C-alpha atoms as a PDB file:
ATOM      1  CA  MET A   1      -8.215  21.768  16.352  1.00  0.00           C
ATOM      2  CA  ARG A   2      -4.585  20.960  15.579  1.00  0.00           C
ATOM      3  CA  THR A   3      -4.253  18.549  12.684  1.00  0.00           C
ATOM      4  CA  ASN A   4      -0.492  18.364  12.193  1.00  0.00           C
ATOM      5  CA  PHE A   5       1.901  16.213  14.184  1.00  0.00           C
ATOM      6  CA  ASP A   6       5.552  16.981  14.880  1.00  0.00           C
ATOM      7  CA  PHE A   7       7.775  14.016  13.973  1.00  0.00           C
ATOM      8  CA  ALA A   8      11.026  15.796  14.951  1.00  0.00           C
ATOM      9  CA  PRO A   9      11.563  13.810  18.196  1.00  0.00           C
ATOM     10  CA  TYR A  10      11.201  10.559  16.266  1.00  0.00           C
ATOM     11  CA  ARG A  11      13.511  11.712  13.479  1.00  0.00           C
ATOM     12  CA  ARG A  12      16.267  12.363  16.027  1.00  0.00           C
ATOM     13  CA  SER A  13      16.181   8.830  17.446  1.00  0.00           C
ATOM     14  CA  THR A  14      15.776   6.786  14.265  1.00  0.00           C
ATOM     15  CA  VAL A  15      18.028   6.054  11.330  1.00  0.00           C
ATOM     16  CA  GLY A  16      16.816   5.284   7.832  1.00  0.00           C
ATOM     17  CA  PHE A  17      13.141   6.122   8.374  1.00  0.00           C
ATOM     18  CA  ASP A  18      13.234   9.515   6.634  1.00  0.00           C
ATOM     19  CA  ARG A  19      11.044   8.303   3.776  1.00  0.00           C
ATOM     20  CA  LEU A  20       8.389   7.043   6.203  1.00  0.00           C
ATOM     21  CA  PHE A  21       8.201  10.345   8.097  1.00  0.00           C
ATOM     22  CA  ASP A  22       8.144  12.321   4.829  1.00  0.00           C
ATOM     23  CA  LEU A  23       5.261  10.155   3.655  1.00  0.00           C
ATOM     24  CA  LEU A  24       3.314  10.671   6.881  1.00  0.00           C
ATOM     25  CA  GLU A  25       3.826  14.430   6.793  1.00  0.00           C
ATOM     26  CA  THR A  26       2.882  14.663   3.104  1.00  0.00           C
ATOM     27  CA  THR A  27      -0.247  12.594   3.622  1.00  0.00           C
ATOM     28  CA  ALA A  28      -1.312  14.744   6.567  1.00  0.00           C
ATOM     29  CA  ARG A  29      -0.864  17.920   4.505  1.00  0.00           C
ATOM     30  CA  THR A  30      -2.528  16.749   1.285  1.00  0.00           C
ATOM     31  CA  GLU A  31      -5.356  14.580   2.600  1.00  0.00           C
ATOM     32  CA  ALA A  32      -8.452  15.842   0.848  1.00  0.00           C
ATOM     33  CA  PRO A  33     -11.644  16.009   2.878  1.00  0.00           C
ATOM     34  CA  GLU A  34     -13.557  14.786  -0.166  1.00  0.00           C
ATOM     35  CA  GLY A  35     -13.993  11.027  -0.206  1.00  0.00           C
ATOM     36  CA  TYR A  36     -14.879  10.378  -3.832  1.00  0.00           C
ATOM     37  CA  PRO A  37     -14.922   7.689  -4.950  1.00  0.00           C
ATOM     38  CA  PRO A  38     -15.364   5.665  -1.778  1.00  0.00           C
ATOM     39  CA  PHE A  39     -13.031   2.699  -1.403  1.00  0.00           C
ATOM     40  CA  ASP A  40     -12.178  -0.293   0.779  1.00  0.00           C
ATOM     41  CA  ILE A  41      -8.783  -1.851   1.418  1.00  0.00           C
ATOM     42  CA  GLU A  42      -8.890  -5.516   2.371  1.00  0.00           C
ATOM     43  CA  ARG A  43      -6.097  -7.731   3.637  1.00  0.00           C
ATOM     44  CA  GLU A  44      -6.685 -11.130   2.072  1.00  0.00           C
ATOM     45  CA  SER A  45      -3.568 -12.820   3.476  1.00  0.00           C
ATOM     46  CA  GLU A  46      -0.218 -11.894   4.974  1.00  0.00           C
ATOM     47  CA  ASP A  47       1.070 -10.594   1.629  1.00  0.00           C
ATOM     48  CA  SER A  48      -2.099 -10.044  -0.443  1.00  0.00           C
ATOM     49  CA  TYR A  49      -4.380  -7.008  -0.473  1.00  0.00           C
ATOM     50  CA  GLN A  50      -7.324  -5.791  -2.504  1.00  0.00           C
ATOM     51  CA  ILE A  51      -8.479  -2.225  -3.097  1.00  0.00           C
ATOM     52  CA  THR A  52     -12.126  -1.874  -4.105  1.00  0.00           C
ATOM     53  CA  LEU A  53     -13.402   1.449  -5.463  1.00  0.00           C
ATOM     54  CA  ALA A  54     -17.095   2.205  -5.975  1.00  0.00           C
ATOM     55  CA  VAL A  55     -17.161   3.807  -9.413  1.00  0.00           C
ATOM     56  CA  ALA A  56     -20.828   3.668 -10.404  1.00  0.00           C
ATOM     57  CA  GLY A  57     -21.537   5.400 -13.691  1.00  0.00           C
ATOM     58  CA  PHE A  58     -18.064   4.711 -15.108  1.00  0.00           C
ATOM     59  CA  ARG A  59     -17.080   2.126 -17.709  1.00  0.00           C
ATOM     60  CA  PRO A  60     -13.729   0.320 -17.653  1.00  0.00           C
ATOM     61  CA  ASP A  61     -12.660   2.470 -20.637  1.00  0.00           C
ATOM     62  CA  ASP A  62     -13.170   5.626 -18.542  1.00  0.00           C
ATOM     63  CA  ILE A  63     -10.694   4.512 -15.843  1.00  0.00           C
ATOM     64  CA  GLU A  64      -6.899   4.500 -15.906  1.00  0.00           C
ATOM     65  CA  ILE A  65      -4.712   2.696 -13.355  1.00  0.00           C
ATOM     66  CA  VAL A  66      -1.012   3.588 -13.138  1.00  0.00           C
ATOM     67  CA  ALA A  67       1.553   2.086 -10.743  1.00  0.00           C
ATOM     68  CA  GLN A  68       4.847   3.973 -10.534  1.00  0.00           C
ATOM     69  CA  ASN A  69       7.456   4.561  -7.818  1.00  0.00           C
ATOM     70  CA  ASN A  70       5.487   2.908  -4.982  1.00  0.00           C
ATOM     71  CA  GLN A  71       2.398   4.900  -5.851  1.00  0.00           C
ATOM     72  CA  LEU A  72      -0.828   3.647  -7.354  1.00  0.00           C
ATOM     73  CA  THR A  73      -2.977   6.246  -9.125  1.00  0.00           C
ATOM     74  CA  VAL A  74      -6.541   5.559 -10.229  1.00  0.00           C
ATOM     75  CA  THR A  75      -8.053   8.200 -12.494  1.00  0.00           C
ATOM     76  CA  GLY A  76     -11.579   8.356 -13.881  1.00  0.00           C
ATOM     77  CA  ARG A  77     -12.858  10.691 -16.579  1.00  0.00           C
ATOM     78  CA  ARG A  78     -16.211  10.463 -18.330  1.00  0.00           C
ATOM     79  CA  PRO A  79     -16.676  11.871 -21.797  1.00  0.00           C
ATOM     80  CA  ASP A  80     -19.480  14.429 -21.977  1.00  0.00           C
ATOM     81  CA  ASP A  81     -21.567  12.612 -24.546  1.00  0.00           C
ATOM     82  CA  ARG A  82     -24.905  12.605 -22.711  1.00  0.00           C
ATOM     83  CA  ASP A  83     -27.721  15.086 -22.998  1.00  0.00           C
ATOM     84  CA  GLU A  84     -27.980  16.665 -19.526  1.00  0.00           C
ATOM     85  CA  SER A  85     -31.434  18.082 -20.235  1.00  0.00           C
ATOM     86  CA  ARG A  86     -32.988  14.598 -19.975  1.00  0.00           C
ATOM     87  CA  PHE A  87     -32.235  14.313 -16.257  1.00  0.00           C
ATOM     88  CA  VAL A  88     -34.710  15.573 -13.686  1.00  0.00           C
ATOM     89  CA  HIS A  89     -32.337  14.587 -10.865  1.00  0.00           C
ATOM     90  CA  ARG A  90     -28.690  13.530 -11.179  1.00  0.00           C
ATOM     91  CA  GLY A  91     -27.674  11.577  -8.036  1.00  0.00           C
ATOM     92  CA  ILE A  92     -25.031   9.222  -9.444  1.00  0.00           C
ATOM     93  CA  ALA A  93     -21.747  11.091  -9.373  1.00  0.00           C
ATOM     94  CA  THR A  94     -19.832  10.838 -12.614  1.00  0.00           C
ATOM     95  CA  ARG A  95     -17.397  13.654 -12.022  1.00  0.00           C
ATOM     96  CA  ALA A  96     -13.745  13.146 -12.784  1.00  0.00           C
ATOM     97  CA  PHE A  97     -11.614  11.776  -9.956  1.00  0.00           C
ATOM     98  CA  GLU A  98      -8.069  10.848  -9.042  1.00  0.00           C
ATOM     99  CA  ARG A  99      -7.240   8.586  -6.091  1.00  0.00           C
ATOM    100  CA  ARG A 100      -3.657   7.955  -4.995  1.00  0.00           C
ATOM    101  CA  PHE A 101      -2.481   5.082  -2.839  1.00  0.00           C
ATOM    102  CA  GLN A 102       1.046   4.902  -1.448  1.00  0.00           C
ATOM    103  CA  LEU A 103       2.345   1.332  -1.751  1.00  0.00           C
ATOM    104  CA  ALA A 104       4.903  -0.218   0.551  1.00  0.00           C
ATOM    105  CA  ASP A 105       8.178  -1.512  -0.842  1.00  0.00           C
ATOM    106  CA  PHE A 106       7.844  -4.667  -2.951  1.00  0.00           C
ATOM    107  CA  VAL A 107       4.035  -4.353  -3.293  1.00  0.00           C
ATOM    108  CA  GLN A 108       3.047  -4.984  -6.906  1.00  0.00           C
ATOM    109  CA  VAL A 109      -0.264  -4.707  -8.722  1.00  0.00           C
ATOM    110  CA  GLN A 110      -1.334  -8.202  -9.804  1.00  0.00           C
ATOM    111  CA  HIS A 111      -4.476  -7.409 -11.797  1.00  0.00           C
ATOM    112  CA  ALA A 112      -7.614  -5.280 -11.894  1.00  0.00           C
ATOM    113  CA  SER A 113     -11.218  -6.208 -12.584  1.00  0.00           C
ATOM    114  CA  PHE A 114     -14.457  -4.290 -13.015  1.00  0.00           C
ATOM    115  CA  ASP A 115     -17.845  -5.738 -12.074  1.00  0.00           C
ATOM    116  CA  ASN A 116     -21.186  -4.171 -11.103  1.00  0.00           C
ATOM    117  CA  GLY A 117     -19.737  -0.684 -10.662  1.00  0.00           C
ATOM    118  CA  LEU A 118     -16.862  -1.894  -8.445  1.00  0.00           C
ATOM    119  CA  LEU A 119     -13.237  -1.650  -9.508  1.00  0.00           C
ATOM    120  CA  ARG A 120     -11.074  -4.251  -7.747  1.00  0.00           C
ATOM    121  CA  ILE A 121      -7.283  -3.987  -7.741  1.00  0.00           C
ATOM    122  CA  ALA A 122      -5.330  -6.983  -6.432  1.00  0.00           C
ATOM    123  CA  LEU A 123      -1.963  -6.266  -4.800  1.00  0.00           C
ATOM    124  CA  LYS A 124       0.734  -8.637  -3.596  1.00  0.00           C
ATOM    125  CA  ARG A 125       3.933  -8.105  -1.628  1.00  0.00           C
ATOM    126  CA  GLU A 126       6.772 -10.018  -3.278  1.00  0.00           C
ATOM    127  CA  VAL A 127      10.037  -9.615  -1.395  1.00  0.00           C
ATOM    128  CA  PRO A 128      13.035 -10.642  -3.558  1.00  0.00           C
ATOM    129  CA  GLU A 129      15.060 -13.591  -2.281  1.00  0.00           C
ATOM    130  CA  ALA A 130      18.099 -11.325  -1.843  1.00  0.00           C
ATOM    131  CA  MET A 131      16.104  -9.143   0.587  1.00  0.00           C
ATOM    132  CA  LYS A 132      14.693 -11.957   2.719  1.00  0.00           C
ATOM    133  CA  PRO A 133      16.432 -12.706   6.022  1.00  0.00           C
ATOM    134  CA  ARG A 134      18.736 -15.711   5.980  1.00  0.00           C
ATOM    135  CA  ARG A 135      20.532 -17.537   8.739  1.00  0.00           C
ATOM    136  CA  ILE A 136      24.310 -17.387   8.673  1.00  0.00           C
ATOM    137  CA  GLU A 137      26.165 -20.422   9.986  1.00  0.00           C
ATOM    138  CA  ILE A 138      29.173 -19.727  12.204  1.00  0.00           C
ATOM    139  CA  ALA A 139      32.242 -21.654  11.144  1.00  0.00           C
ATOM    140  CA  GLY A 140      35.352 -22.298  13.186  1.00  0.00           C
ATOM    141  CA  ALA A 141      36.735 -24.887  15.565  1.00  0.00           C
ATOM    142  CA  ALA A 142      36.788 -22.498  18.538  1.00  0.00           C
ATOM    143  CA  ALA A 143      33.023 -22.011  18.457  1.00  0.00           C
ATOM    144  CA  ASN A 144      32.388 -25.757  18.172  1.00  0.00           C
ATOM    145  CA  ASP A 145      34.801 -26.521  21.051  1.00  0.00           C
ATOM    146  CA  ARG A 146      32.986 -24.118  23.384  1.00  0.00           C
ATOM    147  CA  ILE A 147      29.639 -25.737  22.604  1.00  0.00           C
ATOM    148  CA  ALA A 148      31.087 -29.220  23.228  1.00  0.00           C
ATOM    149  CA  GLU A 149      32.671 -28.085  26.523  1.00  0.00           C
ATOM    150  CA  THR A 150      29.386 -26.660  27.727  1.00  0.00           C
ATOM    151  CA  LYS A 151      27.584 -29.920  26.947  1.00  0.00           C
ATOM    152  CA  GLY A 152      30.293 -31.923  28.719  1.00  0.00           C
ATOM    153  CA  ASP A 153      30.013 -29.742  31.861  1.00  0.00           C
ATOM    154  CA  ARG A 154      26.242 -30.272  31.998  1.00  0.00           C
ATOM    155  CA  ASP A 155      26.538 -34.039  31.466  1.00  0.00           C
ATOM    156  CA  ALA A 156      29.073 -34.341  34.329  1.00  0.00           C
ATOM    157  CA  ALA A 157      26.807 -32.489  36.753  1.00  0.00           C
END
């Protein structure tokens, strides 16, 4: 089964999307089949998201969250301070993990909380005012005269 996708035709007909195609190709190449720890991504509103990771067996001190260059990295490492000989069966995974999430431009981490074995990370997209679209008024007598003439023609008809 072929798992890679050729983005070359799209690269030829688009301008400024190089980063997006690089991200898609990198994700396709590095996607690990292992899904530990499991996670959910929820959209709470137009600009708010929440990532929830199931990290049973970990304490908040065992987990590190780092946001840098549009990438969120969650790492968990447990110290080996328990006596393994006590366990007859070990079903709760406490192995070290690292999960990476690629964040869109202007998405910032708001806060993180830990409750009942679930790590919740709140994200919000905050576009700077300078980047938001704004309407530009057209100045000039010629433009206003044409609009007035068009109205006058319709009123006469």
